[in-house]
Amino acid sequence: MTEILNKLYIGGQWRDASDGGSFDVLNPADESVLATVASGSVEDAMACLDAAESAFADWSARSPRERGEVLRRAYELFVKRIDDIARLITLENGKAGADATGEARYAAEFFRWYAEEAVRPAGHVGLAPATGARIVVHQKPAGMAVLVTPWNYPAAMGARKIGPALAAGCPVVIKPASETPLTMLALMPILEEAGVPAGIVNVLPSRSSGAVVGEMLADPRVRVVSFTGSTEVGRKLLRSAADNVVKPAMELGGNAPFIVCKDADLDAAADGLMVAKMRNLGEACTAANRIYVHEEIEVAFVERFTARMAALKMGNGLEDGIDVGPLVNAETRDKVDHFVRDAVAKGAELKLGGVRPNGPGFYYPPTVMTNVPDDAECLHDEIFGPVAAIQTFRDENEVVCRANDTQYGLVAYLYTRDMRRGMGIAERLEFGMIGLNRGLVSDPAAPFGGVKQSGLGREGGKEGMLEFQETQYISTEW
């Protein structure tokens, strides 16, 4: 079992908080205390920036191949410890074992992908048509980066930011969510062993998130802020970043539509919805939130999907055969329960679940609702739980308008047997990512991100490294 580490990690050293502060991390399955973790202060945040500044020049001067080899070793070491990391994810986040293992493998892939991307920096040489000058364009490390990650993917969200930052030559300070800091702390010995120098990655758990992040963004040494979380918090960080013109990369909220056309393969669509809705127990910005099924196939589709949901087994994610673990905390569970009660009170029909269980742990059962009215709160906010809210539609123009009728634009899902129809609808949907006959869009090789109020920039793919780079153009003659 991976050792549970509970201190700040600054400049390659494990430290207590400068003011002695700490907070408890709970096991969502039984509400017991897993660990008491040091809570970083503003003074500790400045120590992180000092450590990153000291390490920056050496790391950025290393060749792309050298940085890539360090990331490659990090991938290999991570894979060797997949089982331990997955267990730690389950302990602090609650997700079932298979889901935790899937996250750990996904996280590892970012180190492998950016090990390969590190040696393929973008750039070009050209001849200016008007002046005859030579145009030399290349990418440089943007500078020190502050990374703020959420609790729903304790390993993957950090890896998705650390990988490209290190590949680009940037040092980072990462502030993990207070609910789930242990997995990110457990990653540090792996990075040390892989050869990441002291000061290049610093981890600052803290209950004073606003103060420590705000103070770091006010420091002129910080040049990038990468945040994954709610749109509300993202707006606040953008305001803070504006004062020093810090480069923002924001992956914010979502309200994903899942459209099942009349000609869809119903079994494939039901399987895809199980992934889009129940991956990570629905605690994901990519989770299918508004499910639109053509009225002529609703009964057949709901029957298939409900049977799949009913077959899931709920319990402690560390036990064999468990599909549905607890939600991360009481607040999340109570919000999910509120959404269901609100929808039912307004006329929705419960097909499955909908009853909050008694006993310890933050559990909520797989739930299916049909005839969900337009004014149900769950259609206008992220459910972040195992609840499927189903409505019907009659034609494509109608469903596209309804799908686009949201401030969010992260991801949409669409099932049809007709690829011409599918591509036509996909191009009309106002979302940064489309799952066409697929319930999963996340991939280290693809640019992950949204439009409208769902964020700025992209993570993953070639684009992910550009978030940590600045373009420099040199004009010369020879």
Protein backbone atom coordinates (compact mmCIF):
# COMPACT_ATOMS: atom_id res chain seq x y z
CA MET A 1 0.00 0.00 0.00
CA THR A 2 1.25 3.49 -0.88
CA GLU A 3 2.21 5.39 2.26
CA ILE A 4 -0.27 8.12 3.18
CA LEU A 5 1.71 11.36 3.07
CA ASN A 6 0.23 14.32 4.91
CA LYS A 7 2.69 17.23 4.76
CA LEU A 8 3.36 20.04 2.33
CA TYR A 9 5.88 19.26 -0.41
CA ILE A 10 8.04 22.31 -1.07
CA GLY A 11 11.40 22.37 -2.82
CA GLY A 12 11.69 18.61 -2.60
CA GLN A 13 11.16 18.62 1.19
CA TRP A 14 8.22 17.48 3.32
CA ARG A 15 7.13 20.24 5.69
CA ASP A 16 4.50 21.07 8.26
CA ALA A 17 2.50 24.23 7.65
CA SER A 18 4.33 27.34 8.81
CA ASP A 19 1.47 28.25 11.14
CA GLY A 20 0.85 24.66 12.27
CA GLY A 21 -2.54 24.49 10.53
CA SER A 22 -4.08 21.21 9.44
CA PHE A 23 -7.36 19.63 8.29
CA ASP A 24 -8.90 16.16 8.21
CA VAL A 25 -9.45 14.10 5.07
CA LEU A 26 -12.48 11.79 5.37
CA ASN A 27 -13.21 8.39 3.86
CA PRO A 28 -16.57 8.93 2.08
CA ALA A 29 -17.51 5.26 2.56
CA ASP A 30 -17.75 5.42 6.36
CA GLU A 31 -16.98 9.07 7.24
CA SER A 32 -13.88 8.08 9.22
CA VAL A 33 -10.74 10.25 9.25
CA LEU A 34 -8.17 8.94 6.77
CA ALA A 35 -5.45 11.46 7.59
CA THR A 36 -4.80 14.86 9.07
CA VAL A 37 -3.02 16.96 6.45
CA ALA A 38 -0.95 20.13 6.81
CA SER A 39 -2.87 23.20 5.65
CA GLY A 40 -0.60 25.59 3.77
CA SER A 41 -0.58 29.30 4.56
CA VAL A 42 0.29 32.35 2.45
CA GLU A 43 3.83 32.09 3.84
CA ASP A 44 4.02 28.50 2.59
CA ALA A 45 2.72 29.60 -0.81
CA MET A 46 5.55 32.12 -1.09
CA ALA A 47 8.01 29.38 -0.13
CA CYS A 48 6.63 27.31 -3.02
CA LEU A 49 7.22 30.17 -5.44
CA ASP A 50 10.75 30.69 -4.11
CA ALA A 51 11.51 27.00 -4.64
CA ALA A 52 10.03 27.05 -8.14
CA GLU A 53 11.98 30.19 -9.06
CA SER A 54 15.26 28.63 -7.91
CA ALA A 55 14.67 25.52 -10.02
CA PHE A 56 13.29 27.20 -13.14
CA ALA A 57 16.46 28.19 -14.99
CA ASP A 58 18.06 24.75 -14.84
CA TRP A 59 14.91 22.85 -15.83
CA SER A 60 13.99 25.15 -18.71
CA ALA A 61 17.57 24.96 -20.05
CA ARG A 62 17.51 21.18 -20.28
CA SER A 63 17.01 19.69 -23.69
CA PRO A 64 13.51 18.59 -24.69
CA ARG A 65 14.80 15.02 -24.84
CA GLU A 66 16.05 15.15 -21.26
CA ARG A 67 12.74 16.49 -19.98
CA GLY A 68 10.93 13.89 -22.05
CA GLU A 69 12.96 11.05 -20.58
CA VAL A 70 12.10 12.19 -17.05
CA LEU A 71 8.41 12.15 -17.95
CA ARG A 72 8.79 8.73 -19.53
CA ARG A 73 10.29 7.35 -16.32
CA ALA A 74 7.45 8.95 -14.36
CA TYR A 75 4.97 7.06 -16.55
CA GLU A 76 6.74 3.75 -16.05
CA LEU A 77 6.98 4.17 -12.27
CA PHE A 78 3.36 5.29 -12.09
CA VAL A 79 2.19 2.19 -13.95
CA LYS A 80 4.10 -0.08 -11.58
CA ARG A 81 2.15 1.44 -8.68
CA ILE A 82 -1.26 1.60 -10.34
CA ASP A 83 -2.97 -0.65 -7.78
CA ASP A 84 -1.71 1.34 -4.81
CA ILE A 85 -2.64 4.65 -6.40
CA ALA A 86 -6.10 3.39 -7.34
CA ARG A 87 -6.69 2.22 -3.77
CA LEU A 88 -5.74 5.64 -2.44
CA ILE A 89 -8.11 7.31 -4.92
CA THR A 90 -10.94 5.12 -3.64
CA LEU A 91 -10.09 5.79 -0.02
CA GLU A 92 -10.25 9.58 -0.30
CA ASN A 93 -12.69 10.03 -3.19
CA GLY A 94 -15.00 7.03 -2.78
CA LYS A 95 -15.18 5.83 -6.38
CA ALA A 96 -15.39 2.09 -7.05
CA GLY A 97 -12.20 0.13 -7.61
CA ALA A 98 -12.57 -0.31 -11.37
CA ASP A 99 -13.30 3.39 -11.79
CA ALA A 100 -10.29 4.33 -9.65
CA THR A 101 -8.02 2.04 -11.66
CA GLY A 102 -9.34 3.59 -14.86
CA GLU A 103 -8.52 7.05 -13.55
CA ALA A 104 -5.02 6.00 -12.50
CA ARG A 105 -4.28 4.59 -15.96
CA TYR A 106 -5.67 7.72 -17.59
CA ALA A 107 -3.45 9.87 -15.35
CA ALA A 108 -0.35 7.84 -16.20
CA GLU A 109 -0.97 8.33 -19.92
CA PHE A 110 -0.44 12.08 -19.60
CA PHE A 111 3.15 11.49 -18.57
CA ARG A 112 3.70 9.17 -21.53
CA TRP A 113 1.97 11.52 -23.98
CA TYR A 114 3.93 14.57 -22.89
CA ALA A 115 7.16 12.60 -22.78
CA GLU A 116 6.60 12.30 -26.53
CA GLU A 117 5.31 15.83 -27.08
CA ALA A 118 8.27 17.38 -25.21
CA VAL A 119 10.54 16.53 -28.13
CA ARG A 120 8.19 17.96 -30.77
CA PRO A 121 8.09 21.70 -30.00
CA ALA A 122 6.12 23.85 -32.41
CA GLY A 123 7.95 26.41 -34.57
CA HIS A 124 8.71 27.44 -38.11
CA VAL A 125 11.01 29.46 -40.33
CA GLY A 126 9.64 31.63 -43.12
CA LEU A 127 10.42 34.50 -45.50
CA ALA A 128 8.46 37.75 -45.12
CA PRO A 129 6.96 38.55 -48.56
CA ALA A 130 7.06 42.32 -48.15
CA THR A 131 10.41 42.93 -46.42
CA GLY A 132 12.47 39.88 -47.30
CA ALA A 133 13.27 39.35 -43.60
CA ARG A 134 13.56 35.87 -42.21
CA ILE A 135 10.81 34.97 -39.75
CA VAL A 136 11.89 32.55 -37.01
CA VAL A 137 9.08 31.46 -34.67
CA HIS A 138 9.54 29.17 -31.67
CA GLN A 139 8.00 28.38 -28.29
CA LYS A 140 9.53 29.27 -24.91
CA PRO A 141 8.48 28.19 -21.39
CA ALA A 142 5.87 30.67 -20.18
CA GLY A 143 7.19 30.62 -16.62
CA MET A 144 6.01 29.57 -13.19
CA ALA A 145 2.52 28.05 -13.12
CA VAL A 146 -0.09 27.73 -10.39
CA LEU A 147 -2.29 24.64 -10.82
CA VAL A 148 -5.60 24.30 -8.95
CA THR A 149 -7.30 20.90 -9.17
CA PRO A 150 -10.72 19.51 -8.13
CA TRP A 151 -11.63 16.51 -5.99
CA ASN A 152 -13.37 14.38 -8.61
CA TYR A 153 -10.19 13.09 -10.30
CA PRO A 154 -7.45 13.28 -7.64
CA ALA A 155 -4.74 11.81 -9.91
CA ALA A 156 -5.82 12.66 -13.44
CA MET A 157 -6.48 16.38 -13.05
CA GLY A 158 -3.03 16.94 -11.58
CA ALA A 159 -1.27 14.75 -14.14
CA ARG A 160 -3.12 16.49 -16.99
CA LYS A 161 -1.54 19.78 -15.88
CA ILE A 162 1.85 18.66 -14.53
CA GLY A 163 2.74 16.65 -17.64
CA PRO A 164 2.53 19.48 -20.20
CA ALA A 165 3.99 22.05 -17.80
CA LEU A 166 7.11 19.96 -17.22
CA ALA A 167 7.37 19.11 -20.91
CA ALA A 168 7.31 22.83 -21.71
CA GLY A 169 10.01 23.58 -19.12
CA CYS A 170 7.84 25.23 -16.45
CA PRO A 171 7.94 24.70 -12.66
CA VAL A 172 4.58 24.40 -10.89
CA VAL A 173 2.81 24.86 -7.57
CA ILE A 174 -0.24 22.61 -7.35
CA LYS A 175 -3.08 23.24 -4.92
CA PRO A 176 -5.16 20.03 -4.74
CA ALA A 177 -8.72 19.99 -3.46
CA SER A 178 -9.01 19.71 0.31
CA GLU A 179 -11.27 16.65 -0.01
CA THR A 180 -8.63 14.69 -1.93
CA PRO A 181 -5.02 15.86 -1.43
CA LEU A 182 -3.51 12.46 -0.63
CA THR A 183 -3.22 11.09 -4.17
CA MET A 184 -1.31 14.13 -5.40
CA LEU A 185 1.05 13.96 -2.42
CA ALA A 186 1.61 10.26 -3.18
CA LEU A 187 2.69 11.20 -6.71
CA MET A 188 5.69 13.18 -5.46
CA PRO A 189 7.96 10.22 -4.57
CA ILE A 190 7.29 8.89 -8.08
CA LEU A 191 8.36 12.16 -9.66
CA GLU A 192 11.43 12.33 -7.42
CA GLU A 193 12.48 8.83 -8.45
CA ALA A 194 11.85 9.69 -12.10
CA GLY A 195 14.33 12.55 -11.84
CA VAL A 196 12.17 15.66 -11.47
CA PRO A 197 14.45 18.17 -9.68
CA ALA A 198 13.54 19.64 -6.30
CA GLY A 199 11.40 22.76 -6.67
CA ILE A 200 9.95 21.92 -10.07
CA VAL A 201 6.76 20.44 -8.59
CA ASN A 202 5.48 21.76 -5.25
CA VAL A 203 2.26 20.59 -3.58
CA LEU A 204 0.34 22.92 -1.31
CA PRO A 205 -2.77 21.41 0.34
CA SER A 206 -4.70 24.18 2.06
CA ARG A 207 -8.06 25.02 3.55
CA SER A 208 -7.30 28.68 2.80
CA SER A 209 -7.58 28.22 -0.96
CA GLY A 210 -8.71 31.73 -1.81
CA ALA A 211 -5.98 33.40 0.22
CA VAL A 212 -3.05 31.27 -0.93
CA VAL A 213 -4.04 31.17 -4.61
CA GLY A 214 -4.90 34.85 -4.64
CA GLU A 215 -1.54 35.75 -3.13
CA MET A 216 0.32 33.64 -5.67
CA LEU A 217 -1.56 35.25 -8.58
CA ALA A 218 -0.58 38.66 -7.22
CA ASP A 219 3.10 37.68 -7.41
CA PRO A 220 4.69 38.85 -10.70
CA ARG A 221 6.74 35.65 -10.93
CA VAL A 222 3.60 33.63 -11.71
CA ARG A 223 2.83 33.60 -15.43
CA VAL A 224 0.23 30.83 -15.83
CA VAL A 225 -2.80 29.74 -13.81
CA SER A 226 -4.48 26.47 -14.74
CA PHE A 227 -7.75 25.73 -12.97
CA THR A 228 -10.30 22.94 -13.15
CA GLY A 229 -13.50 23.50 -11.20
CA SER A 230 -16.72 25.45 -11.09
CA THR A 231 -17.46 28.38 -13.38
CA GLU A 232 -18.17 30.55 -10.32
CA VAL A 233 -14.67 30.02 -8.89
CA GLY A 234 -13.14 30.29 -12.36
CA ARG A 235 -14.58 33.76 -12.79
CA LYS A 236 -12.97 34.85 -9.50
CA LEU A 237 -9.59 33.47 -10.55
CA LEU A 238 -9.84 35.24 -13.90
CA ARG A 239 -10.39 38.53 -12.07
CA SER A 240 -7.33 37.88 -9.90
CA ALA A 241 -5.25 36.84 -12.91
CA ALA A 242 -6.16 40.03 -14.76
CA ASP A 243 -4.20 42.33 -12.46
CA ASN A 244 -0.85 40.81 -13.49
CA VAL A 245 -2.09 39.61 -16.90
CA VAL A 246 -1.44 36.00 -15.89
CA LYS A 247 -2.12 33.55 -18.70
CA PRO A 248 -5.30 31.59 -17.81
CA ALA A 249 -6.24 28.02 -18.69
CA MET A 250 -9.73 27.34 -17.34
CA GLU A 251 -11.67 24.06 -17.51
CA LEU A 252 -14.97 24.98 -15.89
CA GLY A 253 -18.51 23.66 -15.48
CA GLY A 254 -20.68 21.75 -17.88
CA ASN A 255 -24.29 20.79 -18.55
CA ALA A 256 -23.89 18.08 -21.15
CA PRO A 257 -26.77 17.03 -23.39
CA PHE A 258 -27.05 13.38 -24.49
CA ILE A 259 -29.14 13.04 -27.65
CA VAL A 260 -30.58 9.72 -28.81
CA CYS A 261 -31.95 10.02 -32.36
CA LYS A 262 -34.83 7.91 -33.67
CA ASP A 263 -32.47 5.78 -35.78
CA ALA A 264 -29.91 5.14 -33.01
CA ASP A 265 -28.71 1.69 -32.05
CA LEU A 266 -30.55 1.56 -28.73
CA ASP A 267 -28.25 -0.93 -27.04
CA ALA A 268 -25.17 1.03 -28.09
CA ALA A 269 -26.81 4.26 -26.92
CA ALA A 270 -27.76 2.73 -23.56
CA ASP A 271 -24.20 1.47 -23.11
CA GLY A 272 -22.85 4.87 -24.08
CA LEU A 273 -25.11 6.62 -21.60
CA MET A 274 -23.91 4.31 -18.85
CA VAL A 275 -20.39 5.59 -19.53
CA ALA A 276 -21.34 9.23 -20.02
CA LYS A 277 -23.60 9.28 -16.95
CA MET A 278 -22.01 6.80 -14.51
CA ARG A 279 -18.28 7.17 -15.13
CA ASN A 280 -16.91 8.54 -11.87
CA LEU A 281 -20.44 8.14 -10.44
CA GLY A 282 -21.57 11.15 -12.42
CA GLU A 283 -19.19 13.41 -10.48
CA ALA A 284 -17.68 14.90 -13.62
CA CYS A 285 -18.10 18.06 -15.65
CA THR A 286 -18.38 15.77 -18.69
CA ALA A 287 -21.26 13.73 -17.22
CA ALA A 288 -24.44 13.52 -19.30
CA ASN A 289 -26.78 15.91 -17.50
CA ARG A 290 -29.73 16.46 -19.88
CA ILE A 291 -30.84 13.32 -21.71
CA TYR A 292 -32.96 13.85 -24.83
CA VAL A 293 -34.57 10.74 -26.38
CA HIS A 294 -36.71 10.79 -29.52
CA GLU A 295 -40.32 10.32 -28.45
CA GLU A 296 -40.86 7.28 -30.72
CA ILE A 297 -38.12 5.25 -29.05
CA GLU A 298 -38.34 6.51 -25.47
CA VAL A 299 -40.06 3.46 -23.97
CA ALA A 300 -37.65 0.98 -25.54
CA PHE A 301 -34.59 3.05 -24.67
CA VAL A 302 -35.61 3.74 -21.07
CA GLU A 303 -36.29 0.05 -20.55
CA ARG A 304 -32.80 -0.89 -21.71
CA PHE A 305 -31.05 1.87 -19.79
CA THR A 306 -32.98 1.31 -16.55
CA ALA A 307 -32.15 -2.40 -16.61
CA ARG A 308 -28.45 -1.55 -16.85
CA MET A 309 -28.69 0.93 -13.98
CA ALA A 310 -30.62 -1.55 -11.82
CA ALA A 311 -27.87 -4.14 -12.24
CA LEU A 312 -25.26 -1.93 -10.56
CA LYS A 313 -24.15 -2.87 -7.05
CA MET A 314 -23.64 -0.11 -4.48
CA GLY A 315 -21.15 -0.29 -1.60
CA ASN A 316 -17.63 0.44 -0.42
CA GLY A 317 -15.46 0.86 -3.49
CA LEU A 318 -12.67 -1.21 -1.95
CA GLU A 319 -14.85 -4.34 -2.04
CA ASP A 320 -14.94 -6.69 -5.03
CA GLY A 321 -17.88 -6.42 -7.40
CA ILE A 322 -18.88 -2.90 -6.40
CA ASP A 323 -19.96 -0.59 -9.22
CA VAL A 324 -21.24 2.41 -7.26
CA GLY A 325 -19.31 3.85 -4.35
CA PRO A 326 -20.24 6.82 -2.16
CA LEU A 327 -20.28 10.41 -3.33
CA VAL A 328 -17.37 12.51 -2.12
CA ASN A 329 -19.04 14.34 0.76
CA ALA A 330 -22.33 15.08 2.48
CA GLU A 331 -22.84 18.34 0.59
CA THR A 332 -22.66 16.59 -2.78
CA ARG A 333 -24.99 13.78 -1.68
CA ASP A 334 -27.54 16.23 -0.25
CA LYS A 335 -27.47 18.32 -3.43
CA VAL A 336 -28.15 15.24 -5.56
CA ASP A 337 -31.01 14.23 -3.27
CA HIS A 338 -32.45 17.74 -3.51
CA PHE A 339 -32.39 17.63 -7.31
CA VAL A 340 -34.35 14.37 -7.35
CA ARG A 341 -36.95 15.52 -4.83
CA ASP A 342 -37.38 18.80 -6.71
CA ALA A 343 -37.91 17.06 -10.07
CA VAL A 344 -40.39 14.55 -8.64
CA ALA A 345 -42.33 17.30 -6.87
CA LYS A 346 -42.65 19.06 -10.24
CA GLY A 347 -43.97 15.97 -12.03
CA ALA A 348 -41.01 13.75 -12.97
CA GLU A 349 -41.59 10.00 -12.80
CA LEU A 350 -39.13 7.82 -10.87
CA LYS A 351 -38.22 4.66 -12.75
CA LEU A 352 -35.43 3.61 -10.40
CA GLY A 353 -33.81 4.71 -7.15
CA GLY A 354 -34.43 8.16 -5.76
CA VAL A 355 -34.29 7.18 -2.08
CA ARG A 356 -31.32 8.25 0.01
CA PRO A 357 -30.10 5.29 2.11
CA ASN A 358 -29.60 5.37 5.86
CA GLY A 359 -26.33 4.65 7.63
CA PRO A 360 -22.79 6.01 7.46
CA GLY A 361 -21.20 7.01 4.16
CA PHE A 362 -22.27 9.48 1.49
CA TYR A 363 -24.19 7.04 -0.70
CA TYR A 364 -26.88 7.71 -3.28
CA PRO A 365 -28.37 4.97 -5.48
CA PRO A 366 -28.46 4.87 -9.29
CA THR A 367 -31.58 6.82 -10.21
CA VAL A 368 -33.59 7.17 -13.43
CA MET A 369 -36.29 9.82 -13.96
CA THR A 370 -38.52 10.35 -17.00
CA ASN A 371 -40.95 13.14 -17.91
CA VAL A 372 -38.60 15.59 -16.23
CA PRO A 373 -40.15 19.06 -16.55
CA ASP A 374 -38.22 21.97 -18.02
CA ASP A 375 -38.23 23.86 -14.74
CA ALA A 376 -36.56 21.05 -12.78
CA GLU A 377 -33.40 22.38 -11.14
CA CYS A 378 -31.34 19.38 -12.23
CA LEU A 379 -31.59 20.50 -15.86
CA HIS A 380 -29.99 23.86 -15.13
CA ASP A 381 -27.11 22.83 -12.86
CA GLU A 382 -24.57 20.01 -12.77
CA ILE A 383 -26.14 17.05 -10.97
CA PHE A 384 -22.75 15.54 -10.07
CA GLY A 385 -24.28 12.23 -9.07
CA PRO A 386 -25.77 8.95 -10.38
CA VAL A 387 -29.06 10.49 -11.54
CA ALA A 388 -30.34 10.32 -15.13
CA ALA A 389 -32.91 12.99 -16.07
CA ILE A 390 -34.69 12.00 -19.30
CA GLN A 391 -36.84 14.12 -21.62
CA THR A 392 -38.18 13.51 -25.13
CA PHE A 393 -37.95 15.45 -28.40
CA ARG A 394 -39.63 15.35 -31.82
CA ASP A 395 -37.18 16.72 -34.40
CA GLU A 396 -33.54 17.65 -34.86
CA ASN A 397 -33.97 21.43 -34.96
CA GLU A 398 -35.86 21.31 -31.68
CA VAL A 399 -33.29 19.20 -29.86
CA VAL A 400 -30.33 21.24 -31.13
CA CYS A 401 -31.96 24.43 -29.82
CA ARG A 402 -32.68 22.82 -26.45
CA ALA A 403 -29.19 21.36 -26.20
CA ASN A 404 -27.60 24.75 -26.94
CA ASP A 405 -29.87 26.59 -24.50
CA THR A 406 -27.30 26.77 -21.70
CA GLN A 407 -24.46 29.03 -20.65
CA TYR A 408 -22.17 26.01 -20.71
CA GLY A 409 -20.44 24.46 -23.70
CA LEU A 410 -18.10 21.71 -22.58
CA VAL A 411 -19.29 18.44 -24.14
CA ALA A 412 -22.33 16.96 -25.89
CA TYR A 413 -23.14 13.37 -26.82
CA LEU A 414 -25.09 12.16 -29.84
CA TYR A 415 -26.22 8.72 -31.05
CA THR A 416 -27.43 8.00 -34.60
CA ARG A 417 -26.76 5.35 -37.24
CA ASP A 418 -26.54 8.03 -39.95
CA MET A 419 -23.08 9.63 -39.94
CA ARG A 420 -24.23 12.45 -42.23
CA ARG A 421 -26.96 13.31 -39.73
CA GLY A 422 -24.54 12.89 -36.85
CA MET A 423 -21.89 15.20 -38.30
CA GLY A 424 -24.53 17.75 -39.27
CA ILE A 425 -25.96 17.90 -35.77
CA ALA A 426 -22.50 17.84 -34.17
CA GLU A 427 -21.41 20.92 -36.12
CA ARG A 428 -24.49 22.80 -34.93
CA LEU A 429 -23.93 22.00 -31.27
CA GLU A 430 -22.19 24.80 -29.34
CA PHE A 431 -19.78 22.63 -27.38
CA GLY A 432 -16.02 22.24 -27.38
CA MET A 433 -16.21 18.44 -27.56
CA ILE A 434 -18.70 16.04 -29.12
CA GLY A 435 -19.06 12.33 -28.42
CA LEU A 436 -20.56 10.99 -31.67
CA ASN A 437 -21.71 7.43 -30.96
CA ARG A 438 -19.29 7.44 -28.02
CA GLY A 439 -19.96 7.99 -24.33
CA LEU A 440 -16.36 8.92 -23.59
CA VAL A 441 -14.41 11.86 -25.00
CA SER A 442 -11.48 12.21 -22.57
CA ASP A 443 -8.18 11.23 -24.16
CA PRO A 444 -4.62 12.44 -23.45
CA ALA A 445 -4.05 12.81 -27.19
CA ALA A 446 -7.07 15.10 -27.69
CA PRO A 447 -7.65 18.77 -26.80
CA PHE A 448 -10.02 18.74 -23.81
CA GLY A 449 -11.97 21.94 -23.16
CA GLY A 450 -15.11 23.93 -23.74
CA VAL A 451 -16.62 27.14 -25.05
CA LYS A 452 -18.90 29.80 -23.56
CA GLN A 453 -18.91 29.61 -19.74
CA SER A 454 -17.15 26.23 -19.76
CA GLY A 455 -13.68 27.67 -19.97
CA LEU A 456 -10.67 28.95 -21.86
CA GLY A 457 -7.85 26.96 -23.43
CA ARG A 458 -7.35 23.24 -23.80
CA GLU A 459 -5.74 20.38 -21.86
CA GLY A 460 -4.29 17.29 -23.52
CA GLY A 461 -3.20 16.89 -27.10
CA LYS A 462 -0.67 19.20 -28.72
CA GLU A 463 -2.69 22.15 -27.49
CA GLY A 464 -2.16 21.29 -23.83
CA MET A 465 1.55 22.10 -23.92
CA LEU A 466 0.92 25.44 -25.63
CA GLU A 467 -0.91 26.62 -22.50
CA PHE A 468 2.49 26.60 -20.75
CA GLN A 469 4.42 28.22 -23.59
CA GLU A 470 4.78 31.66 -25.13
CA THR A 471 5.43 32.27 -28.81
CA GLN A 472 8.58 34.20 -29.65
CA TYR A 473 9.23 35.62 -33.12
CA ILE A 474 12.72 36.64 -34.26
CA SER A 475 13.14 38.82 -37.33
CA THR A 476 16.54 38.55 -39.00
CA GLU A 477 18.37 38.35 -42.32
CA TRP A 478 20.98 35.97 -43.72
